[in-house]
Each structure stands twice: as structure tokens, then as C-alpha cells.
Amino acid sequence: MKQGEKGFTNLELIVAIAIIALVGGATTAAIFQVFKSAERNNDHMTAVSQVQNAGYWISRDTLMAQNVTATDNLTPPNFLVLNWVEESSGDEYQVVYTLENMPDGELKKLHRIRSINGGSSNTTLVAQYIDPNPEKTKCELANGVLSLTVTAMVSDHSPAESETRTYQVVPRPG
């Protein structure tokens, strides 16, 4: 080195490296939190979507139904049975909602099985990740009003995200 030229001392280099490490660690932690938050939000939105789908389909069919049989009188996996006759054609419809096992875990899929005039049936997957606990997912018919409580729980990541909604629907008069 020539006289008058100055470089960094070891102490200055160590302090600079420590500051860079702190900034890098904080940045990494912030990015990790953003990804975790996005995963939780996605799981929660999936649970909301599943509950809304179940509420939509069951409410739609209940508004058409002249005869409703809630879960108290059904044998598993049947969850709800709805019947109605279409006035214009005289066709008799029956819709049976069933809770069936998902490939992994205790959660269930909600299927809608529709048949016309007792003939062939059409099966539709309505919702997934349904919690089968009778306190969390149930149908009750009282005073002509169907009360449906549905809970979906998405547990792809820890902790599980869940959504519960209650719908009250009045079937059409028989």
C-alpha cells in the first residue's frame, strides 16, 4: 500500500457483515411469513367455498322440495333426502345428499344424487372437507324450516382452517 491509502479494518468488515446478516435474516423471516399467510388464506378460502357450495345446492333443492327428510330419520351415509313433483311435466324428483369418506383423514365429501321418476341417477360432488361431527354439520327440520349447519375444515397446513355457516330454508308448501 502506498502511504495515504486506507482500507477497511477487520472490525469494520465484521460489523458490515453482521449488519448484512441481520437485514438478510429479517428479509427471510418476512418472506416466510408472507408465504405462510398466503397458505392460511388459501386454506380458509377453500373452506369458505366448500361451505358456500353446500349451502347453495341444499338451499336450492330445499326451495323446490315438497317433502324433506332430515338426518334424524336416515341411515348413513345419507345426510338429507328431498322430494318434489314438477307441476308442468309431472316428473317426480328425488335428491339424496350423502356424506362419503375422503381418501385420507376423517373429513367427508358431500355428494348430491338426483333421480327423476325413480330412474337413473345423476351424482354431483357438492363439497369436500366436510367435518362429519354432528355438532358441526347437521340438518334439522323444525316448524317447517330446514336449518342446515355446515363446517368445512381444510388441514393441508397446520393449523387447520375452518368455516361454519348456518342456513335456514323454508321448503315450498306440499
N, C-alpha and C. Protein backbone atom coordinates (compact mmCIF):
# COMPACT_ATOMS: atom_id res chain seq x y z
N MET A 1 0.83 -1.18 0.00
CA MET A 1 0.00 0.00 0.00
C MET A 1 0.88 1.24 0.00
N LYS A 2 0.36 2.18 -0.68
CA LYS A 2 1.07 3.45 -0.68
C LYS A 2 0.65 4.25 0.54
N GLN A 3 1.49 5.15 0.86
CA GLN A 3 1.19 5.98 2.01
C GLN A 3 -0.02 6.87 1.69
N GLY A 4 -0.97 6.96 2.62
CA GLY A 4 -2.17 7.75 2.42
C GLY A 4 -3.36 6.91 1.95
N GLU A 5 -3.11 5.70 1.49
CA GLU A 5 -4.22 4.82 1.12
C GLU A 5 -4.71 4.14 2.37
N LYS A 6 -6.03 4.10 2.47
CA LYS A 6 -6.61 3.46 3.65
C LYS A 6 -7.56 2.36 3.20
N GLY A 7 -7.66 1.29 3.93
CA GLY A 7 -8.60 0.20 3.67
C GLY A 7 -9.52 0.04 4.86
N PHE A 8 -10.31 -0.98 4.82
CA PHE A 8 -11.21 -1.26 5.93
C PHE A 8 -10.47 -2.09 6.96
N THR A 9 -10.76 -1.83 8.20
CA THR A 9 -10.16 -2.65 9.26
C THR A 9 -11.01 -3.91 9.41
N ASN A 10 -10.45 -4.89 10.07
CA ASN A 10 -11.19 -6.14 10.30
C ASN A 10 -12.48 -5.88 11.08
N LEU A 11 -12.44 -5.00 12.03
CA LEU A 11 -13.62 -4.68 12.83
C LEU A 11 -14.72 -4.07 11.96
N GLU A 12 -14.37 -3.19 11.05
CA GLU A 12 -15.36 -2.60 10.15
C GLU A 12 -15.99 -3.65 9.24
N LEU A 13 -15.16 -4.58 8.74
CA LEU A 13 -15.70 -5.66 7.90
C LEU A 13 -16.64 -6.56 8.68
N ILE A 14 -16.28 -6.89 9.91
CA ILE A 14 -17.15 -7.75 10.74
C ILE A 14 -18.48 -7.05 11.01
N VAL A 15 -18.44 -5.76 11.32
CA VAL A 15 -19.69 -5.01 11.58
C VAL A 15 -20.55 -4.98 10.31
N ALA A 16 -19.95 -4.76 9.15
CA ALA A 16 -20.70 -4.72 7.89
C ALA A 16 -21.34 -6.07 7.60
N ILE A 17 -20.59 -7.14 7.80
CA ILE A 17 -21.14 -8.49 7.57
C ILE A 17 -22.28 -8.78 8.55
N ALA A 18 -22.16 -8.36 9.81
CA ALA A 18 -23.22 -8.57 10.80
C ALA A 18 -24.48 -7.82 10.40
N ILE A 19 -24.33 -6.59 9.93
CA ILE A 19 -25.50 -5.80 9.50
C ILE A 19 -26.17 -6.47 8.30
N ILE A 20 -25.39 -6.92 7.35
CA ILE A 20 -25.94 -7.61 6.17
C ILE A 20 -26.66 -8.89 6.59
N ALA A 21 -26.10 -9.62 7.55
CA ALA A 21 -26.74 -10.85 8.03
C ALA A 21 -28.06 -10.55 8.71
N LEU A 22 -28.11 -9.50 9.52
CA LEU A 22 -29.36 -9.12 10.19
C LEU A 22 -30.44 -8.73 9.18
N VAL A 23 -30.07 -7.92 8.20
CA VAL A 23 -31.03 -7.50 7.18
C VAL A 23 -31.51 -8.72 6.37
N GLY A 24 -30.58 -9.61 6.03
CA GLY A 24 -30.95 -10.82 5.29
C GLY A 24 -31.87 -11.72 6.11
N GLY A 25 -31.58 -11.88 7.40
CA GLY A 25 -32.43 -12.70 8.27
C GLY A 25 -33.83 -12.12 8.40
N ALA A 26 -33.91 -10.80 8.57
CA ALA A 26 -35.22 -10.16 8.69
C ALA A 26 -36.01 -10.30 7.38
N THR A 27 -35.32 -10.16 6.27
CA THR A 27 -35.98 -10.31 4.96
C THR A 27 -36.49 -11.73 4.78
N THR A 28 -35.69 -12.71 5.14
CA THR A 28 -36.09 -14.11 5.03
C THR A 28 -37.31 -14.39 5.91
N ALA A 29 -37.30 -13.89 7.14
CA ALA A 29 -38.44 -14.09 8.05
C ALA A 29 -39.70 -13.44 7.49
N ALA A 30 -39.58 -12.25 6.91
CA ALA A 30 -40.75 -11.57 6.34
C ALA A 30 -41.30 -12.35 5.15
N ILE A 31 -40.43 -12.84 4.30
CA ILE A 31 -40.88 -13.62 3.14
C ILE A 31 -41.56 -14.91 3.61
N PHE A 32 -41.00 -15.56 4.62
CA PHE A 32 -41.59 -16.78 5.17
C PHE A 32 -43.00 -16.49 5.70
N GLN A 33 -43.17 -15.38 6.42
CA GLN A 33 -44.48 -15.02 6.95
C GLN A 33 -45.48 -14.74 5.83
N VAL A 34 -45.04 -14.11 4.77
CA VAL A 34 -45.93 -13.83 3.64
C VAL A 34 -46.42 -15.14 3.02
N PHE A 35 -45.51 -16.10 2.82
CA PHE A 35 -45.90 -17.38 2.24
C PHE A 35 -46.84 -18.15 3.18
N LYS A 36 -46.55 -18.16 4.47
CA LYS A 36 -47.41 -18.85 5.43
C LYS A 36 -48.80 -18.20 5.47
N SER A 37 -48.83 -16.89 5.44
CA SER A 37 -50.10 -16.18 5.45
C SER A 37 -50.91 -16.49 4.19
N ALA A 38 -50.24 -16.55 3.06
CA ALA A 38 -50.92 -16.89 1.81
C ALA A 38 -51.48 -18.30 1.86
N GLU A 39 -50.73 -19.26 2.43
CA GLU A 39 -51.23 -20.64 2.56
C GLU A 39 -52.46 -20.69 3.45
N ARG A 40 -52.41 -19.98 4.59
CA ARG A 40 -53.56 -19.97 5.50
C ARG A 40 -54.77 -19.34 4.83
N ASN A 41 -54.56 -18.24 4.11
CA ASN A 41 -55.66 -17.58 3.41
C ASN A 41 -56.25 -18.50 2.34
N ASN A 42 -55.40 -19.20 1.60
CA ASN A 42 -55.90 -20.14 0.59
C ASN A 42 -56.72 -21.25 1.22
N ASP A 43 -56.23 -21.80 2.33
CA ASP A 43 -56.97 -22.85 3.02
C ASP A 43 -58.31 -22.34 3.53
N HIS A 44 -58.31 -21.13 4.09
CA HIS A 44 -59.56 -20.58 4.59
C HIS A 44 -60.54 -20.31 3.46
N MET A 45 -60.06 -19.78 2.35
CA MET A 45 -60.95 -19.52 1.21
C MET A 45 -61.49 -20.82 0.62
N THR A 46 -60.69 -21.88 0.65
CA THR A 46 -61.18 -23.18 0.21
C THR A 46 -62.31 -23.65 1.12
N ALA A 47 -62.14 -23.50 2.43
CA ALA A 47 -63.18 -23.90 3.38
C ALA A 47 -64.45 -23.07 3.16
N VAL A 48 -64.31 -21.78 2.96
CA VAL A 48 -65.47 -20.90 2.71
C VAL A 48 -66.18 -21.33 1.44
N SER A 49 -65.43 -21.60 0.40
CA SER A 49 -66.01 -22.02 -0.88
C SER A 49 -66.79 -23.32 -0.74
N GLN A 50 -66.25 -24.28 0.01
CA GLN A 50 -66.94 -25.57 0.18
C GLN A 50 -68.25 -25.39 0.95
N VAL A 51 -68.22 -24.57 2.00
CA VAL A 51 -69.44 -24.33 2.78
C VAL A 51 -70.48 -23.61 1.92
N GLN A 52 -70.05 -22.63 1.13
CA GLN A 52 -70.98 -21.91 0.28
C GLN A 52 -71.59 -22.83 -0.78
N ASN A 53 -70.80 -23.72 -1.36
CA ASN A 53 -71.33 -24.67 -2.34
C ASN A 53 -72.40 -25.55 -1.71
N ALA A 54 -72.11 -26.08 -0.53
CA ALA A 54 -73.09 -26.94 0.15
C ALA A 54 -74.36 -26.15 0.44
N GLY A 55 -74.21 -24.95 0.96
CA GLY A 55 -75.38 -24.12 1.26
C GLY A 55 -76.20 -23.79 0.03
N TYR A 56 -75.52 -23.48 -1.07
CA TYR A 56 -76.22 -23.15 -2.32
C TYR A 56 -77.06 -24.33 -2.81
N TRP A 57 -76.42 -25.50 -2.96
CA TRP A 57 -77.13 -26.65 -3.53
C TRP A 57 -78.26 -27.13 -2.64
N ILE A 58 -78.01 -27.22 -1.35
CA ILE A 58 -79.07 -27.71 -0.46
C ILE A 58 -80.20 -26.68 -0.38
N SER A 59 -79.88 -25.40 -0.31
CA SER A 59 -80.94 -24.37 -0.28
C SER A 59 -81.75 -24.40 -1.57
N ARG A 60 -81.09 -24.54 -2.68
CA ARG A 60 -81.75 -24.58 -3.99
C ARG A 60 -82.75 -25.74 -4.06
N ASP A 61 -82.28 -26.92 -3.67
CA ASP A 61 -83.15 -28.09 -3.73
C ASP A 61 -84.25 -28.04 -2.68
N THR A 62 -83.96 -27.49 -1.51
CA THR A 62 -84.97 -27.39 -0.46
C THR A 62 -86.10 -26.46 -0.87
N LEU A 63 -85.76 -25.39 -1.58
CA LEU A 63 -86.80 -24.47 -2.05
C LEU A 63 -87.73 -25.15 -3.06
N MET A 64 -87.26 -26.17 -3.75
CA MET A 64 -88.10 -26.93 -4.69
C MET A 64 -88.90 -28.02 -4.00
N ALA A 65 -88.41 -28.48 -2.86
CA ALA A 65 -88.93 -29.70 -2.24
C ALA A 65 -90.31 -29.50 -1.63
N GLN A 66 -91.11 -30.58 -1.75
CA GLN A 66 -92.40 -30.64 -1.08
C GLN A 66 -92.30 -31.57 0.13
N ASN A 67 -91.28 -32.41 0.15
CA ASN A 67 -91.10 -33.35 1.24
C ASN A 67 -89.62 -33.36 1.61
N VAL A 68 -89.32 -33.11 2.88
CA VAL A 68 -87.95 -33.05 3.36
C VAL A 68 -87.77 -34.07 4.47
N THR A 69 -86.73 -34.88 4.36
CA THR A 69 -86.38 -35.82 5.43
C THR A 69 -84.98 -35.46 5.90
N ALA A 70 -84.88 -35.00 7.14
CA ALA A 70 -83.57 -34.60 7.68
C ALA A 70 -82.85 -35.82 8.23
N THR A 71 -81.65 -35.62 8.72
CA THR A 71 -80.76 -36.72 9.10
C THR A 71 -81.27 -37.58 10.24
N ASP A 72 -82.19 -37.10 11.04
CA ASP A 72 -82.66 -37.89 12.18
C ASP A 72 -83.24 -39.23 11.75
N ASN A 73 -83.86 -39.27 10.57
CA ASN A 73 -84.54 -40.49 10.13
C ASN A 73 -83.76 -41.27 9.09
N LEU A 74 -82.52 -40.90 8.82
CA LEU A 74 -81.76 -41.51 7.74
C LEU A 74 -80.67 -42.42 8.28
N THR A 75 -80.27 -43.37 7.43
CA THR A 75 -79.13 -44.21 7.78
C THR A 75 -77.92 -43.70 7.02
N PRO A 76 -76.75 -43.64 7.68
CA PRO A 76 -75.55 -43.18 6.98
C PRO A 76 -75.29 -44.03 5.77
N PRO A 77 -74.75 -43.49 4.72
CA PRO A 77 -74.17 -42.16 4.60
C PRO A 77 -75.16 -41.08 4.21
N ASN A 78 -76.48 -41.40 4.15
CA ASN A 78 -77.46 -40.38 3.75
C ASN A 78 -77.50 -39.25 4.76
N PHE A 79 -77.52 -38.03 4.25
CA PHE A 79 -77.50 -36.83 5.07
C PHE A 79 -78.83 -36.09 5.00
N LEU A 80 -79.45 -36.09 3.82
CA LEU A 80 -80.68 -35.35 3.62
C LEU A 80 -81.38 -35.91 2.38
N VAL A 81 -82.71 -36.05 2.45
CA VAL A 81 -83.49 -36.51 1.29
C VAL A 81 -84.58 -35.48 1.01
N LEU A 82 -84.68 -35.07 -0.25
CA LEU A 82 -85.67 -34.09 -0.68
C LEU A 82 -86.46 -34.67 -1.86
N ASN A 83 -87.77 -34.45 -1.86
CA ASN A 83 -88.64 -34.93 -2.94
C ASN A 83 -89.54 -33.80 -3.42
N TRP A 84 -89.81 -33.78 -4.72
CA TRP A 84 -90.79 -32.84 -5.26
C TRP A 84 -91.30 -33.33 -6.60
N VAL A 85 -92.45 -32.78 -7.00
CA VAL A 85 -93.06 -33.07 -8.29
C VAL A 85 -93.08 -31.77 -9.09
N GLU A 86 -92.56 -31.84 -10.30
CA GLU A 86 -92.59 -30.67 -11.17
C GLU A 86 -93.99 -30.56 -11.76
N GLU A 87 -94.61 -29.41 -11.57
CA GLU A 87 -96.01 -29.24 -11.97
C GLU A 87 -96.21 -29.36 -13.47
N SER A 88 -95.35 -28.76 -14.26
CA SER A 88 -95.57 -28.73 -15.70
C SER A 88 -95.47 -30.11 -16.35
N SER A 89 -94.54 -30.94 -15.89
CA SER A 89 -94.34 -32.24 -16.52
C SER A 89 -94.87 -33.41 -15.70
N GLY A 90 -95.07 -33.18 -14.40
CA GLY A 90 -95.48 -34.28 -13.53
C GLY A 90 -94.34 -35.18 -13.12
N ASP A 91 -93.11 -34.83 -13.49
CA ASP A 91 -91.95 -35.64 -13.12
C ASP A 91 -91.71 -35.58 -11.62
N GLU A 92 -91.37 -36.74 -11.04
CA GLU A 92 -91.06 -36.83 -9.61
C GLU A 92 -89.54 -36.83 -9.43
N TYR A 93 -89.07 -35.87 -8.66
CA TYR A 93 -87.64 -35.74 -8.40
C TYR A 93 -87.34 -36.20 -6.98
N GLN A 94 -86.19 -36.83 -6.83
CA GLN A 94 -85.67 -37.13 -5.50
C GLN A 94 -84.19 -36.77 -5.50
N VAL A 95 -83.80 -36.03 -4.48
CA VAL A 95 -82.40 -35.66 -4.30
C VAL A 95 -81.96 -36.18 -2.94
N VAL A 96 -80.89 -36.96 -2.95
CA VAL A 96 -80.32 -37.51 -1.71
C VAL A 96 -78.92 -36.94 -1.57
N TYR A 97 -78.67 -36.33 -0.43
CA TYR A 97 -77.33 -35.84 -0.11
C TYR A 97 -76.66 -36.88 0.79
N THR A 98 -75.44 -37.25 0.42
CA THR A 98 -74.70 -38.25 1.20
C THR A 98 -73.34 -37.70 1.60
N LEU A 99 -72.88 -38.16 2.75
CA LEU A 99 -71.53 -37.85 3.21
C LEU A 99 -70.69 -39.09 3.03
N GLU A 100 -69.65 -38.99 2.21
CA GLU A 100 -68.80 -40.15 1.92
C GLU A 100 -67.36 -39.84 2.29
N ASN A 101 -66.62 -40.87 2.63
CA ASN A 101 -65.24 -40.71 3.08
C ASN A 101 -64.36 -40.10 2.00
N MET A 102 -63.46 -39.25 2.45
CA MET A 102 -62.39 -38.77 1.57
C MET A 102 -61.25 -39.77 1.66
N PRO A 103 -60.35 -39.79 0.68
CA PRO A 103 -59.27 -40.78 0.69
C PRO A 103 -58.41 -40.77 1.94
N ASP A 104 -58.22 -39.61 2.53
CA ASP A 104 -57.38 -39.56 3.73
C ASP A 104 -58.07 -38.74 4.81
N GLY A 105 -57.94 -39.17 6.04
CA GLY A 105 -58.49 -38.44 7.17
C GLY A 105 -59.94 -38.76 7.44
N GLU A 106 -60.51 -37.99 8.35
CA GLU A 106 -61.88 -38.21 8.80
C GLU A 106 -62.89 -37.31 8.10
N LEU A 107 -62.43 -36.41 7.28
CA LEU A 107 -63.34 -35.48 6.61
C LEU A 107 -64.12 -36.19 5.51
N LYS A 108 -65.23 -35.61 5.11
CA LYS A 108 -66.15 -36.23 4.16
C LYS A 108 -66.34 -35.37 2.92
N LYS A 109 -66.83 -36.03 1.87
CA LYS A 109 -67.30 -35.35 0.66
C LYS A 109 -68.82 -35.35 0.71
N LEU A 110 -69.41 -34.25 0.27
CA LEU A 110 -70.87 -34.16 0.20
C LEU A 110 -71.27 -34.35 -1.26
N HIS A 111 -72.02 -35.44 -1.51
CA HIS A 111 -72.50 -35.74 -2.86
C HIS A 111 -73.99 -35.49 -2.95
N ARG A 112 -74.42 -35.07 -4.12
CA ARG A 112 -75.84 -34.87 -4.43
C ARG A 112 -76.21 -35.90 -5.49
N ILE A 113 -77.19 -36.75 -5.16
CA ILE A 113 -77.64 -37.79 -6.09
C ILE A 113 -79.09 -37.47 -6.46
N ARG A 114 -79.32 -37.13 -7.73
CA ARG A 114 -80.65 -36.76 -8.19
C ARG A 114 -81.19 -37.83 -9.12
N SER A 115 -82.44 -38.22 -8.87
CA SER A 115 -83.10 -39.15 -9.78
C SER A 115 -84.46 -38.58 -10.16
N ILE A 116 -84.89 -38.91 -11.38
CA ILE A 116 -86.18 -38.44 -11.89
C ILE A 116 -87.04 -39.66 -12.16
N ASN A 117 -88.24 -39.66 -11.60
CA ASN A 117 -89.21 -40.76 -11.76
C ASN A 117 -88.61 -42.11 -11.38
N GLY A 118 -87.74 -42.11 -10.39
CA GLY A 118 -87.15 -43.36 -9.90
C GLY A 118 -86.17 -44.00 -10.85
N GLY A 119 -85.82 -43.32 -11.94
CA GLY A 119 -84.91 -43.88 -12.94
C GLY A 119 -83.45 -43.68 -12.57
N SER A 120 -82.64 -43.62 -13.58
CA SER A 120 -81.20 -43.49 -13.36
C SER A 120 -80.89 -42.20 -12.61
N SER A 121 -79.79 -42.24 -11.88
CA SER A 121 -79.45 -41.09 -11.05
C SER A 121 -78.23 -40.35 -11.60
N ASN A 122 -78.14 -39.11 -11.21
CA ASN A 122 -77.05 -38.23 -11.60
C ASN A 122 -76.36 -37.79 -10.31
N THR A 123 -75.06 -38.08 -10.17
CA THR A 123 -74.32 -37.75 -8.96
C THR A 123 -73.41 -36.55 -9.20
N THR A 124 -73.45 -35.61 -8.26
CA THR A 124 -72.64 -34.40 -8.33
C THR A 124 -71.86 -34.24 -7.03
N LEU A 125 -70.57 -33.95 -7.14
CA LEU A 125 -69.78 -33.62 -5.96
C LEU A 125 -70.09 -32.18 -5.60
N VAL A 126 -70.66 -31.97 -4.42
CA VAL A 126 -71.08 -30.63 -3.99
C VAL A 126 -69.99 -29.94 -3.20
N ALA A 127 -69.38 -30.66 -2.25
CA ALA A 127 -68.37 -30.04 -1.38
C ALA A 127 -67.44 -31.12 -0.85
N GLN A 128 -66.26 -30.66 -0.44
CA GLN A 128 -65.27 -31.54 0.18
C GLN A 128 -64.86 -30.96 1.53
N TYR A 129 -64.08 -31.71 2.26
CA TYR A 129 -63.52 -31.28 3.55
C TYR A 129 -64.61 -31.02 4.59
N ILE A 130 -65.74 -31.72 4.49
CA ILE A 130 -66.85 -31.50 5.42
C ILE A 130 -66.57 -32.25 6.72
N ASP A 131 -66.68 -31.55 7.83
CA ASP A 131 -66.48 -32.15 9.15
C ASP A 131 -67.75 -32.91 9.52
N PRO A 132 -67.68 -34.25 9.69
CA PRO A 132 -68.90 -35.04 9.94
C PRO A 132 -69.39 -35.00 11.39
N ASN A 133 -68.71 -34.29 12.25
CA ASN A 133 -69.14 -34.20 13.64
C ASN A 133 -70.56 -33.65 13.68
N PRO A 134 -71.50 -34.38 14.31
CA PRO A 134 -72.91 -33.95 14.31
C PRO A 134 -73.15 -32.58 14.94
N GLU A 135 -72.21 -32.11 15.73
CA GLU A 135 -72.35 -30.77 16.30
C GLU A 135 -71.93 -29.69 15.31
N LYS A 136 -71.17 -30.08 14.28
CA LYS A 136 -70.64 -29.10 13.34
C LYS A 136 -71.33 -29.13 11.98
N THR A 137 -71.85 -30.29 11.58
CA THR A 137 -72.55 -30.42 10.30
C THR A 137 -73.82 -31.20 10.55
N LYS A 138 -74.97 -30.52 10.35
CA LYS A 138 -76.24 -31.17 10.64
C LYS A 138 -77.38 -30.49 9.91
N CYS A 139 -78.47 -31.25 9.76
CA CYS A 139 -79.73 -30.74 9.22
C CYS A 139 -80.80 -30.99 10.26
N GLU A 140 -81.62 -29.99 10.51
CA GLU A 140 -82.73 -30.16 11.44
C GLU A 140 -83.96 -29.51 10.82
N LEU A 141 -85.07 -30.23 10.86
CA LEU A 141 -86.32 -29.72 10.34
C LEU A 141 -87.24 -29.45 11.52
N ALA A 142 -87.58 -28.19 11.74
CA ALA A 142 -88.45 -27.83 12.86
C ALA A 142 -89.37 -26.70 12.42
N ASN A 143 -90.65 -26.86 12.70
CA ASN A 143 -91.66 -25.84 12.37
C ASN A 143 -91.62 -25.44 10.90
N GLY A 144 -91.39 -26.41 10.03
CA GLY A 144 -91.40 -26.16 8.60
C GLY A 144 -90.17 -25.45 8.07
N VAL A 145 -89.12 -25.32 8.88
CA VAL A 145 -87.89 -24.65 8.46
C VAL A 145 -86.73 -25.64 8.55
N LEU A 146 -86.00 -25.76 7.47
CA LEU A 146 -84.81 -26.61 7.46
C LEU A 146 -83.62 -25.76 7.89
N SER A 147 -83.00 -26.14 8.98
CA SER A 147 -81.78 -25.47 9.45
C SER A 147 -80.60 -26.36 9.09
N LEU A 148 -79.72 -25.82 8.30
CA LEU A 148 -78.54 -26.55 7.85
C LEU A 148 -77.30 -25.86 8.41
N THR A 149 -76.51 -26.60 9.14
CA THR A 149 -75.22 -26.10 9.62
C THR A 149 -74.15 -26.93 8.96
N VAL A 150 -73.20 -26.26 8.31
CA VAL A 150 -72.13 -26.95 7.57
C VAL A 150 -70.79 -26.39 8.03
N THR A 151 -69.86 -27.31 8.30
CA THR A 151 -68.49 -26.92 8.66
C THR A 151 -67.54 -27.62 7.71
N ALA A 152 -66.66 -26.83 7.11
CA ALA A 152 -65.59 -27.37 6.27
C ALA A 152 -64.27 -27.06 6.97
N MET A 153 -63.37 -28.03 6.95
CA MET A 153 -62.08 -27.87 7.59
C MET A 153 -60.98 -28.29 6.63
N VAL A 154 -60.15 -27.35 6.25
CA VAL A 154 -59.04 -27.63 5.34
C VAL A 154 -57.77 -27.68 6.18
N SER A 155 -57.13 -28.83 6.17
CA SER A 155 -55.97 -29.02 7.05
C SER A 155 -54.72 -29.41 6.27
N ASP A 156 -54.54 -28.80 5.09
CA ASP A 156 -53.33 -29.07 4.32
C ASP A 156 -52.09 -28.57 5.05
N HIS A 157 -52.26 -27.53 5.85
CA HIS A 157 -51.17 -26.95 6.60
C HIS A 157 -51.61 -26.82 8.05
N SER A 158 -50.67 -26.65 8.93
CA SER A 158 -51.01 -26.51 10.34
C SER A 158 -50.99 -25.04 10.70
N PRO A 159 -51.95 -24.51 11.41
CA PRO A 159 -53.16 -25.15 11.90
C PRO A 159 -54.24 -25.23 10.83
N ALA A 160 -55.23 -26.08 11.06
CA ALA A 160 -56.32 -26.25 10.10
C ALA A 160 -57.18 -24.98 10.07
N GLU A 161 -57.66 -24.66 8.88
CA GLU A 161 -58.57 -23.53 8.70
C GLU A 161 -59.98 -24.09 8.54
N SER A 162 -60.95 -23.48 9.20
CA SER A 162 -62.32 -23.98 9.09
C SER A 162 -63.29 -22.81 8.91
N GLU A 163 -64.46 -23.18 8.41
CA GLU A 163 -65.55 -22.22 8.22
C GLU A 163 -66.85 -22.93 8.54
N THR A 164 -67.71 -22.29 9.30
CA THR A 164 -69.02 -22.83 9.65
C THR A 164 -70.06 -21.80 9.28
N ARG A 165 -71.12 -22.28 8.62
CA ARG A 165 -72.24 -21.40 8.30
C ARG A 165 -73.54 -22.14 8.59
N THR A 166 -74.55 -21.38 8.94
CA THR A 166 -75.89 -21.93 9.17
C THR A 166 -76.85 -21.28 8.18
N TYR A 167 -77.61 -22.14 7.52
CA TYR A 167 -78.61 -21.69 6.55
C TYR A 167 -79.99 -22.11 7.07
N GLN A 168 -80.98 -21.26 6.88
CA GLN A 168 -82.35 -21.61 7.22
C GLN A 168 -83.20 -21.43 5.96
N VAL A 169 -83.86 -22.53 5.57
CA VAL A 169 -84.61 -22.53 4.32
C VAL A 169 -86.00 -23.08 4.59
N VAL A 170 -87.00 -22.43 4.00
CA VAL A 170 -88.37 -22.92 4.11
C VAL A 170 -88.75 -23.61 2.81
N PRO A 171 -89.01 -24.94 2.87
CA PRO A 171 -89.42 -25.65 1.65
C PRO A 171 -90.78 -25.12 1.18
N ARG A 172 -91.06 -25.31 -0.11
CA ARG A 172 -92.35 -24.86 -0.62
C ARG A 172 -93.45 -25.74 -0.04
N PRO A 173 -94.64 -25.20 0.05
CA PRO A 173 -95.75 -25.99 0.62
C PRO A 173 -96.04 -27.21 -0.24
N GLY A 174 -96.37 -28.32 0.41
CA GLY A 174 -96.66 -29.56 -0.28
C GLY A 174 -98.03 -29.56 -0.83
